[in-house]
Amino acid sequence: MSFNFKDIKEFIRIKGNNIKIKILISSGKDGEHFVVVSPALLVSGYGPTEEDAKLSFQENIETFCDDLSKLSPEQKITELKKLGFSQEKYFTKNFSKVYVDENGVLQGLEPSTLKTSMLEATV
C-alpha cells in the first residue's frame, strides 16, 4: 500500500471514556525480530514473527490507551502535547499530528525496509 505522506493526518479523539486513534504504523524486520512501530505515539511491538509483532503492538496500544484514559483532562493534554499533538481549535476533543518531514519521509526510519499502513481504532 502506498501513501502520500504529506496528506496523512494522524489524530486522537477523546470523548468520555472512548479514545479513537488514527495513526501511521510501520513494520519491518530488524535483525532476528519483526517490529511494528507508531512513531507518533512512541509505541512499538516486536516478536519472532510478523504476527507476534502485531499482537505485541496491539497489546502495547491498548496499554497506552488504558494509561491515557486514567489521566485527568489536563494531564491528557500535557501528555499528548509532549508527543507533538496539538488540540484542535474548534474541536477541543481532537488532537492531531502529522509525523513526517518536509519531503514526506517518515522521520527516523528507513523507508525502503518498511511496510506502512494506517491504524484506526476505538478503545
PDB file of N, CA and C in Angstrom:
ATOM      1  N   MET A   1       0.845  -1.169   0.000  1.00  0.00           N
ATOM      2  CA  MET A   1       0.000   0.000   0.000  1.00  0.00           C
ATOM      3  C   MET A   1       0.889   1.230   0.000  1.00  0.00           C
ATOM      4  N   SER A   2       0.588   2.196  -0.831  1.00  0.00           N
ATOM      5  CA  SER A   2       1.387   3.394  -0.962  1.00  0.00           C
ATOM      6  C   SER A   2       0.602   4.603  -0.460  1.00  0.00           C
ATOM      7  N   PHE A   3       1.308   5.491   0.232  1.00  0.00           N
ATOM      8  CA  PHE A   3       0.688   6.693   0.776  1.00  0.00           C
ATOM      9  C   PHE A   3       1.439   7.917   0.311  1.00  0.00           C
ATOM     10  N   ASN A   4       0.749   9.015   0.153  1.00  0.00           N
ATOM     11  CA  ASN A   4       1.385  10.312   0.036  1.00  0.00           C
ATOM     12  C   ASN A   4       1.450  10.831   1.465  1.00  0.00           C
ATOM     13  N   PHE A   5       2.622  10.738   2.078  1.00  0.00           N
ATOM     14  CA  PHE A   5       2.756  11.050   3.495  1.00  0.00           C
ATOM     15  C   PHE A   5       2.343  12.476   3.835  1.00  0.00           C
ATOM     16  N   LYS A   6       2.438  13.391   2.897  1.00  0.00           N
ATOM     17  CA  LYS A   6       2.063  14.772   3.167  1.00  0.00           C
ATOM     18  C   LYS A   6       0.563  14.917   3.387  1.00  0.00           C
ATOM     19  N   ASP A   7      -0.240  13.965   2.896  1.00  0.00           N
ATOM     20  CA  ASP A   7      -1.693  14.037   3.032  1.00  0.00           C
ATOM     21  C   ASP A   7      -2.230  13.297   4.252  1.00  0.00           C
ATOM     22  N   ILE A   8      -1.367  12.652   5.002  1.00  0.00           N
ATOM     23  CA  ILE A   8      -1.802  11.852   6.152  1.00  0.00           C
ATOM     24  C   ILE A   8      -1.958  12.741   7.376  1.00  0.00           C
ATOM     25  N   LYS A   9      -3.092  12.635   8.021  1.00  0.00           N
ATOM     26  CA  LYS A   9      -3.322  13.369   9.253  1.00  0.00           C
ATOM     27  C   LYS A   9      -3.624  12.370  10.353  1.00  0.00           C
ATOM     28  N   GLU A  10      -2.707  12.253  11.276  1.00  0.00           N
ATOM     29  CA  GLU A  10      -2.905  11.368  12.412  1.00  0.00           C
ATOM     30  C   GLU A  10      -3.680  12.139  13.475  1.00  0.00           C
ATOM     31  N   PHE A  11      -4.513  11.420  14.221  1.00  0.00           N
ATOM     32  CA  PHE A  11      -5.252  12.110  15.271  1.00  0.00           C
ATOM     33  C   PHE A  11      -5.619  11.158  16.389  1.00  0.00           C
ATOM     34  N   ILE A  12      -5.930  11.760  17.516  1.00  0.00           N
ATOM     35  CA  ILE A  12      -6.503  11.071  18.674  1.00  0.00           C
ATOM     36  C   ILE A  12      -7.732  11.882  19.063  1.00  0.00           C
ATOM     37  N   ARG A  13      -8.866  11.205  19.217  1.00  0.00           N
ATOM     38  CA  ARG A  13     -10.098  11.866  19.662  1.00  0.00           C
ATOM     39  C   ARG A  13     -10.506  11.215  20.973  1.00  0.00           C
ATOM     40  N   ILE A  14     -10.651  12.052  21.979  1.00  0.00           N
ATOM     41  CA  ILE A  14     -11.022  11.575  23.309  1.00  0.00           C
ATOM     42  C   ILE A  14     -12.400  12.119  23.633  1.00  0.00           C
ATOM     43  N   LYS A  15     -13.345  11.215  23.809  1.00  0.00           N
ATOM     44  CA  LYS A  15     -14.716  11.619  24.142  1.00  0.00           C
ATOM     45  C   LYS A  15     -15.198  10.689  25.247  1.00  0.00           C
ATOM     46  N   GLY A  16     -15.329  11.248  26.433  1.00  0.00           N
ATOM     47  CA  GLY A  16     -15.713  10.425  27.573  1.00  0.00           C
ATOM     48  C   GLY A  16     -14.647   9.374  27.838  1.00  0.00           C
ATOM     49  N   ASN A  17     -15.068   8.122  27.894  1.00  0.00           N
ATOM     50  CA  ASN A  17     -14.122   7.031  28.109  1.00  0.00           C
ATOM     51  C   ASN A  17     -13.639   6.397  26.811  1.00  0.00           C
ATOM     52  N   ASN A  18     -14.093   6.926  25.671  1.00  0.00           N
ATOM     53  CA  ASN A  18     -13.682   6.384  24.380  1.00  0.00           C
ATOM     54  C   ASN A  18     -12.498   7.159  23.820  1.00  0.00           C
ATOM     55  N   ILE A  19     -11.552   6.424  23.283  1.00  0.00           N
ATOM     56  CA  ILE A  19     -10.400   7.014  22.611  1.00  0.00           C
ATOM     57  C   ILE A  19     -10.374   6.446  21.206  1.00  0.00           C
ATOM     58  N   LYS A  20     -10.438   7.316  20.212  1.00  0.00           N
ATOM     59  CA  LYS A  20     -10.349   6.903  18.813  1.00  0.00           C
ATOM     60  C   LYS A  20      -9.029   7.416  18.271  1.00  0.00           C
ATOM     61  N   ILE A  21      -8.264   6.531  17.649  1.00  0.00           N
ATOM     62  CA  ILE A  21      -6.969   6.926  17.120  1.00  0.00           C
ATOM     63  C   ILE A  21      -6.856   6.570  15.648  1.00  0.00           C
ATOM     64  N   LYS A  22      -6.157   7.394  14.922  1.00  0.00           N
ATOM     65  CA  LYS A  22      -5.777   7.109  13.545  1.00  0.00           C
ATOM     66  C   LYS A  22      -4.310   7.497  13.449  1.00  0.00           C
ATOM     67  N   ILE A  23      -3.458   6.499  13.326  1.00  0.00           N
ATOM     68  CA  ILE A  23      -2.019   6.732  13.328  1.00  0.00           C
ATOM     69  C   ILE A  23      -1.350   5.931  12.229  1.00  0.00           C
ATOM     70  N   LEU A  24      -0.225   6.430  11.814  1.00  0.00           N
ATOM     71  CA  LEU A  24       0.608   5.736  10.854  1.00  0.00           C
ATOM     72  C   LEU A  24       1.432   4.696  11.599  1.00  0.00           C
ATOM     73  N   ILE A  25       1.446   3.477  11.106  1.00  0.00           N
ATOM     74  CA  ILE A  25       2.301   2.450  11.692  1.00  0.00           C
ATOM     75  C   ILE A  25       3.204   1.898  10.604  1.00  0.00           C
ATOM     76  N   SER A  26       4.383   1.484  11.011  1.00  0.00           N
ATOM     77  CA  SER A  26       5.351   0.901  10.095  1.00  0.00           C
ATOM     78  C   SER A  26       5.826  -0.413  10.668  1.00  0.00           C
ATOM     79  N   SER A  27       6.127  -1.347   9.787  1.00  0.00           N
ATOM     80  CA  SER A  27       6.624  -2.639  10.254  1.00  0.00           C
ATOM     81  C   SER A  27       7.739  -3.109   9.342  1.00  0.00           C
ATOM     82  N   GLY A  28       8.589  -3.906   9.884  1.00  0.00           N
ATOM     83  CA  GLY A  28       9.689  -4.458   9.122  1.00  0.00           C
ATOM     84  C   GLY A  28      10.498  -5.387  10.006  1.00  0.00           C
ATOM     85  N   LYS A  29      11.551  -5.916   9.440  1.00  0.00           N
ATOM     86  CA  LYS A  29      12.398  -6.847  10.178  1.00  0.00           C
ATOM     87  C   LYS A  29      13.643  -6.116  10.643  1.00  0.00           C
ATOM     88  N   ASP A  30      13.991  -6.329  11.899  1.00  0.00           N
ATOM     89  CA  ASP A  30      15.188  -5.743  12.487  1.00  0.00           C
ATOM     90  C   ASP A  30      15.994  -6.879  13.094  1.00  0.00           C
ATOM     91  N   GLY A  31      17.000  -7.317  12.374  1.00  0.00           N
ATOM     92  CA  GLY A  31      17.785  -8.468  12.835  1.00  0.00           C
ATOM     93  C   GLY A  31      16.942  -9.719  12.823  1.00  0.00           C
ATOM     94  N   GLU A  32      16.815 -10.359  13.954  1.00  0.00           N
ATOM     95  CA  GLU A  32      16.063 -11.610  14.077  1.00  0.00           C
ATOM     96  C   GLU A  32      14.578 -11.400  14.347  1.00  0.00           C
ATOM     97  N   HIS A  33      14.183 -10.172  14.623  1.00  0.00           N
ATOM     98  CA  HIS A  33      12.812  -9.917  15.033  1.00  0.00           C
ATOM     99  C   HIS A  33      12.076  -9.026  14.047  1.00  0.00           C
ATOM    100  N   PHE A  34      10.752  -9.169  14.064  1.00  0.00           N
ATOM    101  CA  PHE A  34       9.877  -8.254  13.337  1.00  0.00           C
ATOM    102  C   PHE A  34       9.465  -7.157  14.312  1.00  0.00           C
ATOM    103  N   VAL A  35       9.298  -5.948  13.786  1.00  0.00           N
ATOM    104  CA  VAL A  35       8.969  -4.799  14.617  1.00  0.00           C
ATOM    105  C   VAL A  35       7.803  -4.043  13.981  1.00  0.00           C
ATOM    106  N   VAL A  36       6.877  -3.583  14.807  1.00  0.00           N
ATOM    107  CA  VAL A  36       5.785  -2.707  14.400  1.00  0.00           C
ATOM    108  C   VAL A  36       5.912  -1.451  15.258  1.00  0.00           C
ATOM    109  N   VAL A  37       5.893  -0.269  14.619  1.00  0.00           N
ATOM    110  CA  VAL A  37       6.158   0.975  15.326  1.00  0.00           C
ATOM    111  C   VAL A  37       5.134   2.042  14.965  1.00  0.00           C
ATOM    112  N   SER A  38       4.703   2.785  15.966  1.00  0.00           N
ATOM    113  CA  SER A  38       3.960   4.026  15.758  1.00  0.00           C
ATOM    114  C   SER A  38       4.861   5.151  16.243  1.00  0.00           C
ATOM    115  N   PRO A  39       5.565   5.831  15.330  1.00  0.00           N
ATOM    116  CA  PRO A  39       6.445   6.922  15.762  1.00  0.00           C
ATOM    117  C   PRO A  39       5.693   8.040  16.474  1.00  0.00           C
ATOM    118  N   ALA A  40       4.457   8.294  16.082  1.00  0.00           N
ATOM    119  CA  ALA A  40       3.689   9.381  16.682  1.00  0.00           C
ATOM    120  C   ALA A  40       3.403   9.151  18.158  1.00  0.00           C
ATOM    121  N   LEU A  41       3.181   7.900  18.540  1.00  0.00           N
ATOM    122  CA  LEU A  41       2.829   7.581  19.925  1.00  0.00           C
ATOM    123  C   LEU A  41       3.996   7.018  20.718  1.00  0.00           C
ATOM    124  N   LEU A  42       5.119   6.778  20.039  1.00  0.00           N
ATOM    125  CA  LEU A  42       6.282   6.131  20.670  1.00  0.00           C
ATOM    126  C   LEU A  42       5.889   4.772  21.240  1.00  0.00           C
ATOM    127  N   VAL A  43       5.078   4.041  20.483  1.00  0.00           N
ATOM    128  CA  VAL A  43       4.627   2.707  20.868  1.00  0.00           C
ATOM    129  C   VAL A  43       5.128   1.728  19.824  1.00  0.00           C
ATOM    130  N   SER A  44       5.603   0.575  20.292  1.00  0.00           N
ATOM    131  CA  SER A  44       6.087  -0.441  19.362  1.00  0.00           C
ATOM    132  C   SER A  44       5.745  -1.827  19.885  1.00  0.00           C
ATOM    133  N   GLY A  45       5.948  -2.803  19.037  1.00  0.00           N
ATOM    134  CA  GLY A  45       5.790  -4.199  19.405  1.00  0.00           C
ATOM    135  C   GLY A  45       6.786  -4.999  18.589  1.00  0.00           C
ATOM    136  N   TYR A  46       7.196  -6.132  19.095  1.00  0.00           N
ATOM    137  CA  TYR A  46       8.140  -6.958  18.349  1.00  0.00           C
ATOM    138  C   TYR A  46       7.900  -8.428  18.660  1.00  0.00           C
ATOM    139  N   GLY A  47       8.464  -9.269  17.805  1.00  0.00           N
ATOM    140  CA  GLY A  47       8.350 -10.705  18.008  1.00  0.00           C
ATOM    141  C   GLY A  47       9.103 -11.459  16.938  1.00  0.00           C
ATOM    142  N   PRO A  48       9.219 -12.769  17.109  1.00  0.00           N
ATOM    143  CA  PRO A  48       9.959 -13.584  16.134  1.00  0.00           C
ATOM    144  C   PRO A  48       9.248 -13.708  14.787  1.00  0.00           C
ATOM    145  N   THR A  49       7.935 -13.453  14.775  1.00  0.00           N
ATOM    146  CA  THR A  49       7.183 -13.482  13.517  1.00  0.00           C
ATOM    147  C   THR A  49       6.443 -12.157  13.367  1.00  0.00           C
ATOM    148  N   GLU A  50       5.991 -11.886  12.151  1.00  0.00           N
ATOM    149  CA  GLU A  50       5.248 -10.657  11.916  1.00  0.00           C
ATOM    150  C   GLU A  50       3.953 -10.637  12.733  1.00  0.00           C
ATOM    151  N   GLU A  51       3.303 -11.778  12.818  1.00  0.00           N
ATOM    152  CA  GLU A  51       2.064 -11.875  13.599  1.00  0.00           C
ATOM    153  C   GLU A  51       2.319 -11.615  15.080  1.00  0.00           C
ATOM    154  N   ASP A  52       3.409 -12.160  15.625  1.00  0.00           N
ATOM    155  CA  ASP A  52       3.758 -11.902  17.027  1.00  0.00           C
ATOM    156  C   ASP A  52       4.020 -10.423  17.268  1.00  0.00           C
ATOM    157  N   ALA A  53       4.687  -9.771  16.319  1.00  0.00           N
ATOM    158  CA  ALA A  53       4.967  -8.345  16.444  1.00  0.00           C
ATOM    159  C   ALA A  53       3.666  -7.544  16.445  1.00  0.00           C
ATOM    160  N   LYS A  54       2.727  -7.918  15.577  1.00  0.00           N
ATOM    161  CA  LYS A  54       1.433  -7.232  15.525  1.00  0.00           C
ATOM    162  C   LYS A  54       0.663  -7.411  16.832  1.00  0.00           C
ATOM    163  N   LEU A  55       0.669  -8.617  17.380  1.00  0.00           N
ATOM    164  CA  LEU A  55      -0.016  -8.872  18.655  1.00  0.00           C
ATOM    165  C   LEU A  55       0.620  -8.074  19.790  1.00  0.00           C
ATOM    166  N   SER A  56       1.942  -8.034  19.812  1.00  0.00           N
ATOM    167  CA  SER A  56       2.666  -7.265  20.822  1.00  0.00           C
ATOM    168  C   SER A  56       2.326  -5.785  20.703  1.00  0.00           C
ATOM    169  N   PHE A  57       2.287  -5.284  19.469  1.00  0.00           N
ATOM    170  CA  PHE A  57       1.946  -3.881  19.231  1.00  0.00           C
ATOM    171  C   PHE A  57       0.525  -3.596  19.702  1.00  0.00           C
ATOM    172  N   GLN A  58      -0.414  -4.468  19.386  1.00  0.00           N
ATOM    173  CA  GLN A  58      -1.807  -4.283  19.803  1.00  0.00           C
ATOM    174  C   GLN A  58      -1.924  -4.213  21.323  1.00  0.00           C
ATOM    175  N   GLU A  59      -1.213  -5.085  22.017  1.00  0.00           N
ATOM    176  CA  GLU A  59      -1.232  -5.056  23.480  1.00  0.00           C
ATOM    177  C   GLU A  59      -0.679  -3.735  24.006  1.00  0.00           C
ATOM    178  N   ASN A  60       0.387  -3.247  23.377  1.00  0.00           N
ATOM    179  CA  ASN A  60       1.008  -2.007  23.831  1.00  0.00           C
ATOM    180  C   ASN A  60       0.147  -0.785  23.515  1.00  0.00           C
ATOM    181  N   ILE A  61      -0.571  -0.797  22.392  1.00  0.00           N
ATOM    182  CA  ILE A  61      -1.514   0.289  22.077  1.00  0.00           C
ATOM    183  C   ILE A  61      -2.648   0.300  23.100  1.00  0.00           C
ATOM    184  N   GLU A  62      -3.147  -0.897  23.447  1.00  0.00           N
ATOM    185  CA  GLU A  62      -4.204  -0.979  24.461  1.00  0.00           C
ATOM    186  C   GLU A  62      -3.723  -0.448  25.800  1.00  0.00           C
ATOM    187  N   THR A  63      -2.483  -0.746  26.170  1.00  0.00           N
ATOM    188  CA  THR A  63      -1.904  -0.233  27.414  1.00  0.00           C
ATOM    189  C   THR A  63      -1.774   1.280  27.355  1.00  0.00           C
ATOM    190  N   PHE A  64      -1.301   1.802  26.213  1.00  0.00           N
ATOM    191  CA  PHE A  64      -1.193   3.246  26.026  1.00  0.00           C
ATOM    192  C   PHE A  64      -2.556   3.912  26.236  1.00  0.00           C
ATOM    193  N   CYS A  65      -3.596   3.384  25.586  1.00  0.00           N
ATOM    194  CA  CYS A  65      -4.946   3.958  25.699  1.00  0.00           C
ATOM    195  C   CYS A  65      -5.494   3.834  27.114  1.00  0.00           C
ATOM    196  N   ASP A  66      -5.241   2.698  27.760  1.00  0.00           N
ATOM    197  CA  ASP A  66      -5.692   2.491  29.134  1.00  0.00           C
ATOM    198  C   ASP A  66      -5.014   3.497  30.063  1.00  0.00           C
ATOM    199  N   ASP A  67      -3.703   3.668  29.914  1.00  0.00           N
ATOM    200  CA  ASP A  67      -2.977   4.632  30.744  1.00  0.00           C
ATOM    201  C   ASP A  67      -3.472   6.053  30.483  1.00  0.00           C
ATOM    202  N   LEU A  68      -3.702   6.399  29.225  1.00  0.00           N
ATOM    203  CA  LEU A  68      -4.185   7.728  28.869  1.00  0.00           C
ATOM    204  C   LEU A  68      -5.568   7.984  29.466  1.00  0.00           C
ATOM    205  N   SER A  69      -6.430   6.974  29.434  1.00  0.00           N
ATOM    206  CA  SER A  69      -7.798   7.149  29.936  1.00  0.00           C
ATOM    207  C   SER A  69      -7.845   7.371  31.449  1.00  0.00           C
ATOM    208  N   LYS A  70      -6.815   6.976  32.158  1.00  0.00           N
ATOM    209  CA  LYS A  70      -6.779   7.137  33.619  1.00  0.00           C
ATOM    210  C   LYS A  70      -6.330   8.537  34.044  1.00  0.00           C
ATOM    211  N   LEU A  71      -5.837   9.335  33.096  1.00  0.00           N
ATOM    212  CA  LEU A  71      -5.342  10.670  33.429  1.00  0.00           C
ATOM    213  C   LEU A  71      -6.479  11.677  33.499  1.00  0.00           C
ATOM    214  N   SER A  72      -6.243  12.747  34.228  1.00  0.00           N
ATOM    215  CA  SER A  72      -7.203  13.854  34.249  1.00  0.00           C
ATOM    216  C   SER A  72      -7.170  14.538  32.884  1.00  0.00           C
ATOM    217  N   PRO A  73      -8.213  15.319  32.554  1.00  0.00           N
ATOM    218  CA  PRO A  73      -8.208  16.016  31.262  1.00  0.00           C
ATOM    219  C   PRO A  73      -6.948  16.877  31.048  1.00  0.00           C
ATOM    220  N   GLU A  74      -6.502  17.556  32.081  1.00  0.00           N
ATOM    221  CA  GLU A  74      -5.301  18.391  31.959  1.00  0.00           C
ATOM    222  C   GLU A  74      -4.060  17.537  31.709  1.00  0.00           C
ATOM    223  N   GLN A  75      -3.959  16.401  32.403  1.00  0.00           N
ATOM    224  CA  GLN A  75      -2.812  15.508  32.217  1.00  0.00           C
ATOM    225  C   GLN A  75      -2.814  14.902  30.812  1.00  0.00           C
ATOM    226  N   LYS A  76      -4.006  14.575  30.288  1.00  0.00           N
ATOM    227  CA  LYS A  76      -4.094  14.045  28.921  1.00  0.00           C
ATOM    228  C   LYS A  76      -3.537  15.047  27.929  1.00  0.00           C
ATOM    229  N   ILE A  77      -3.951  16.305  28.066  1.00  0.00           N
ATOM    230  CA  ILE A  77      -3.478  17.350  27.168  1.00  0.00           C
ATOM    231  C   ILE A  77      -1.961  17.477  27.262  1.00  0.00           C
ATOM    232  N   THR A  78      -1.436  17.494  28.468  1.00  0.00           N
ATOM    233  CA  THR A  78       0.013  17.611  28.673  1.00  0.00           C
ATOM    234  C   THR A  78       0.756  16.450  28.011  1.00  0.00           C
ATOM    235  N   GLU A  79       0.291  15.231  28.225  1.00  0.00           N
ATOM    236  CA  GLU A  79       0.971  14.059  27.654  1.00  0.00           C
ATOM    237  C   GLU A  79       0.899  14.060  26.130  1.00  0.00           C
ATOM    238  N   LEU A  80      -0.248  14.409  25.568  1.00  0.00           N
ATOM    239  CA  LEU A  80      -0.374  14.432  24.110  1.00  0.00           C
ATOM    240  C   LEU A  80       0.475  15.540  23.501  1.00  0.00           C
ATOM    241  N   LYS A  81       0.592  16.669  24.181  1.00  0.00           N
ATOM    242  CA  LYS A  81       1.460  17.738  23.697  1.00  0.00           C
ATOM    243  C   LYS A  81       2.925  17.307  23.727  1.00  0.00           C
ATOM    244  N   LYS A  82       3.314  16.540  24.734  1.00  0.00           N
ATOM    245  CA  LYS A  82       4.684  16.018  24.797  1.00  0.00           C
ATOM    246  C   LYS A  82       4.997  15.158  23.579  1.00  0.00           C
ATOM    247  N   LEU A  83       3.982  14.469  23.055  1.00  0.00           N
ATOM    248  CA  LEU A  83       4.160  13.617  21.877  1.00  0.00           C
ATOM    249  C   LEU A  83       4.076  14.413  20.575  1.00  0.00           C
ATOM    250  N   GLY A  84       3.794  15.713  20.675  1.00  0.00           N
ATOM    251  CA  GLY A  84       3.742  16.544  19.486  1.00  0.00           C
ATOM    252  C   GLY A  84       2.352  16.799  18.939  1.00  0.00           C
ATOM    253  N   PHE A  85       1.329  16.308  19.617  1.00  0.00           N
ATOM    254  CA  PHE A  85      -0.041  16.551  19.188  1.00  0.00           C
ATOM    255  C   PHE A  85      -0.469  17.933  19.669  1.00  0.00           C
ATOM    256  N   SER A  86      -1.383  18.551  18.962  1.00  0.00           N
ATOM    257  CA  SER A  86      -1.936  19.822  19.402  1.00  0.00           C
ATOM    258  C   SER A  86      -3.450  19.728  19.383  1.00  0.00           C
ATOM    259  N   GLN A  87      -4.060  20.437  20.306  1.00  0.00           N
ATOM    260  CA  GLN A  87      -5.516  20.405  20.417  1.00  0.00           C
ATOM    261  C   GLN A  87      -6.101  21.284  19.327  1.00  0.00           C
ATOM    262  N   GLU A  88      -7.072  20.750  18.607  1.00  0.00           N
ATOM    263  CA  GLU A  88      -7.683  21.500  17.519  1.00  0.00           C
ATOM    264  C   GLU A  88      -8.541  22.620  18.084  1.00  0.00           C
ATOM    265  N   LYS A  89      -8.484  23.762  17.444  1.00  0.00           N
ATOM    266  CA  LYS A  89      -9.106  24.979  17.958  1.00  0.00           C
ATOM    267  C   LYS A  89     -10.608  24.846  18.186  1.00  0.00           C
ATOM    268  N   TYR A  90     -11.331  24.324  17.214  1.00  0.00           N
ATOM    269  CA  TYR A  90     -12.789  24.262  17.329  1.00  0.00           C
ATOM    270  C   TYR A  90     -13.310  22.885  17.713  1.00  0.00           C
ATOM    271  N   PHE A  91     -12.454  21.891  17.686  1.00  0.00           N
ATOM    272  CA  PHE A  91     -12.829  20.522  18.071  1.00  0.00           C
ATOM    273  C   PHE A  91     -11.939  20.142  19.235  1.00  0.00           C
ATOM    274  N   THR A  92     -12.276  20.620  20.429  1.00  0.00           N
ATOM    275  CA  THR A  92     -11.375  20.533  21.572  1.00  0.00           C
ATOM    276  C   THR A  92     -11.119  19.119  22.069  1.00  0.00           C
ATOM    277  N   LYS A  93     -11.860  18.142  21.553  1.00  0.00           N
ATOM    278  CA  LYS A  93     -11.611  16.760  21.952  1.00  0.00           C
ATOM    279  C   LYS A  93     -10.668  16.067  20.976  1.00  0.00           C
ATOM    280  N   ASN A  94     -10.299  16.760  19.905  1.00  0.00           N
ATOM    281  CA  ASN A  94      -9.421  16.193  18.883  1.00  0.00           C
ATOM    282  C   ASN A  94      -7.993  16.694  19.085  1.00  0.00           C
ATOM    283  N   PHE A  95      -7.054  15.782  18.956  1.00  0.00           N
ATOM    284  CA  PHE A  95      -5.642  16.113  18.991  1.00  0.00           C
ATOM    285  C   PHE A  95      -5.049  15.538  17.713  1.00  0.00           C
ATOM    286  N   SER A  96      -4.278  16.336  16.969  1.00  0.00           N
ATOM    287  CA  SER A  96      -3.778  15.849  15.695  1.00  0.00           C
ATOM    288  C   SER A  96      -2.282  16.028  15.582  1.00  0.00           C
ATOM    289  N   LYS A  97      -1.681  15.255  14.658  1.00  0.00           N
ATOM    290  CA  LYS A  97      -0.250  15.288  14.436  1.00  0.00           C
ATOM    291  C   LYS A  97       0.060  14.615  13.116  1.00  0.00           C
ATOM    292  N   VAL A  98       0.943  15.216  12.343  1.00  0.00           N
ATOM    293  CA  VAL A  98       1.491  14.579  11.157  1.00  0.00           C
ATOM    294  C   VAL A  98       2.959  14.360  11.452  1.00  0.00           C
ATOM    295  N   TYR A  99       3.428  13.152  11.375  1.00  0.00           N
ATOM    296  CA  TYR A  99       4.789  12.833  11.772  1.00  0.00           C
ATOM    297  C   TYR A  99       5.634  12.478  10.554  1.00  0.00           C
ATOM    298  N   VAL A 100       5.825  13.438   9.664  1.00  0.00           N
ATOM    299  CA  VAL A 100       6.685  13.261   8.503  1.00  0.00           C
ATOM    300  C   VAL A 100       7.488  14.535   8.298  1.00  0.00           C
ATOM    301  N   ASP A 101       8.644  14.427   7.616  1.00  0.00           N
ATOM    302  CA  ASP A 101       9.438  15.624   7.370  1.00  0.00           C
ATOM    303  C   ASP A 101       8.909  16.397   6.170  1.00  0.00           C
ATOM    304  N   GLU A 102       9.580  17.486   5.833  1.00  0.00           N
ATOM    305  CA  GLU A 102       9.102  18.356   4.755  1.00  0.00           C
ATOM    306  C   GLU A 102       9.116  17.687   3.385  1.00  0.00           C
ATOM    307  N   ASN A 103       9.831  16.574   3.248  1.00  0.00           N
ATOM    308  CA  ASN A 103       9.876  15.826   1.992  1.00  0.00           C
ATOM    309  C   ASN A 103       8.870  14.687   1.946  1.00  0.00           C
ATOM    310  N   GLY A 104       8.071  14.537   2.997  1.00  0.00           N
ATOM    311  CA  GLY A 104       7.090  13.466   3.027  1.00  0.00           C
ATOM    312  C   GLY A 104       7.676  12.135   3.458  1.00  0.00           C
ATOM    313  N   VAL A 105       8.852  12.151   4.091  1.00  0.00           N
ATOM    314  CA  VAL A 105       9.514  10.923   4.527  1.00  0.00           C
ATOM    315  C   VAL A 105       9.279  10.729   6.020  1.00  0.00           C
ATOM    316  N   LEU A 106       8.863   9.538   6.383  1.00  0.00           N
ATOM    317  CA  LEU A 106       8.655   9.209   7.784  1.00  0.00           C
ATOM    318  C   LEU A 106       9.978   9.369   8.523  1.00  0.00           C
ATOM    319  N   GLN A 107      10.019  10.181   9.548  1.00  0.00           N
ATOM    320  CA  GLN A 107      11.261  10.523  10.220  1.00  0.00           C
ATOM    321  C   GLN A 107      11.834   9.364  11.008  1.00  0.00           C
ATOM    322  N   GLY A 108      13.164   9.196  10.915  1.00  0.00           N
ATOM    323  CA  GLY A 108      13.890   8.246  11.744  1.00  0.00           C
ATOM    324  C   GLY A 108      13.820   6.792  11.323  1.00  0.00           C
ATOM    325  N   LEU A 109      13.185   6.487  10.203  1.00  0.00           N
ATOM    326  CA  LEU A 109      13.053   5.106   9.771  1.00  0.00           C
ATOM    327  C   LEU A 109      13.507   4.973   8.325  1.00  0.00           C
ATOM    328  N   GLU A 110      13.943   3.801   7.955  1.00  0.00           N
ATOM    329  CA  GLU A 110      14.380   3.537   6.586  1.00  0.00           C
ATOM    330  C   GLU A 110      13.182   3.159   5.726  1.00  0.00           C
ATOM    331  N   PRO A 111      12.725   4.035   4.831  1.00  0.00           N
ATOM    332  CA  PRO A 111      11.532   3.752   4.030  1.00  0.00           C
ATOM    333  C   PRO A 111      11.651   2.507   3.161  1.00  0.00           C
ATOM    334  N   SER A 112      12.835   2.170   2.718  1.00  0.00           N
ATOM    335  CA  SER A 112      12.976   1.027   1.811  1.00  0.00           C
ATOM    336  C   SER A 112      12.753  -0.309   2.494  1.00  0.00           C
ATOM    337  N   THR A 113      12.792  -0.357   3.813  1.00  0.00           N
ATOM    338  CA  THR A 113      12.626  -1.623   4.525  1.00  0.00           C
ATOM    339  C   THR A 113      11.308  -1.717   5.268  1.00  0.00           C
ATOM    340  N   LEU A 114      10.415  -0.772   5.019  1.00  0.00           N
ATOM    341  CA  LEU A 114       9.198  -0.697   5.816  1.00  0.00           C
ATOM    342  C   LEU A 114       7.949  -1.042   5.034  1.00  0.00           C
ATOM    343  N   LYS A 115       6.972  -1.541   5.766  1.00  0.00           N
ATOM    344  CA  LYS A 115       5.598  -1.622   5.295  1.00  0.00           C
ATOM    345  C   LYS A 115       4.877  -0.546   6.077  1.00  0.00           C
ATOM    346  N   THR A 116       4.041   0.208   5.414  1.00  0.00           N
ATOM    347  CA  THR A 116       3.358   1.298   6.081  1.00  0.00           C
ATOM    348  C   THR A 116       1.855   1.132   5.891  1.00  0.00           C
ATOM    349  N   SER A 117       1.112   1.357   6.962  1.00  0.00           N
ATOM    350  CA  SER A 117      -0.337   1.281   6.880  1.00  0.00           C
ATOM    351  C   SER A 117      -0.918   2.222   7.923  1.00  0.00           C
ATOM    352  N   MET A 118      -2.214   2.428   7.824  1.00  0.00           N
ATOM    353  CA  MET A 118      -2.895   3.261   8.807  1.00  0.00           C
ATOM    354  C   MET A 118      -3.664   2.365   9.764  1.00  0.00           C
ATOM    355  N   LEU A 119      -3.669   2.728  11.020  1.00  0.00           N
ATOM    356  CA  LEU A 119      -4.424   2.022  12.037  1.00  0.00           C
ATOM    357  C   LEU A 119      -5.514   2.961  12.516  1.00  0.00           C
ATOM    358  N   GLU A 120      -6.750   2.496  12.463  1.00  0.00           N
ATOM    359  CA  GLU A 120      -7.859   3.241  13.052  1.00  0.00           C
ATOM    360  C   GLU A 120      -8.503   2.332  14.073  1.00  0.00           C
ATOM    361  N   ALA A 121      -8.678   2.836  15.270  1.00  0.00           N
ATOM    362  CA  ALA A 121      -9.248   2.014  16.332  1.00  0.00           C
ATOM    363  C   ALA A 121      -9.982   2.892  17.308  1.00  0.00           C
ATOM    364  N   THR A 122     -10.986   2.341  17.933  1.00  0.00           N
ATOM    365  CA  THR A 122     -11.675   2.986  19.035  1.00  0.00           C
ATOM    366  C   THR A 122     -11.545   2.071  20.226  1.00  0.00           C
ATOM    367  N   VAL A 123     -11.058   2.626  21.320  1.00  0.00           N
ATOM    368  CA  VAL A 123     -10.831   1.832  22.531  1.00  0.00           C
ATOM    369  C   VAL A 123     -11.740   2.321  23.617  1.00  0.00           C
TER     370      VAL A 123
END
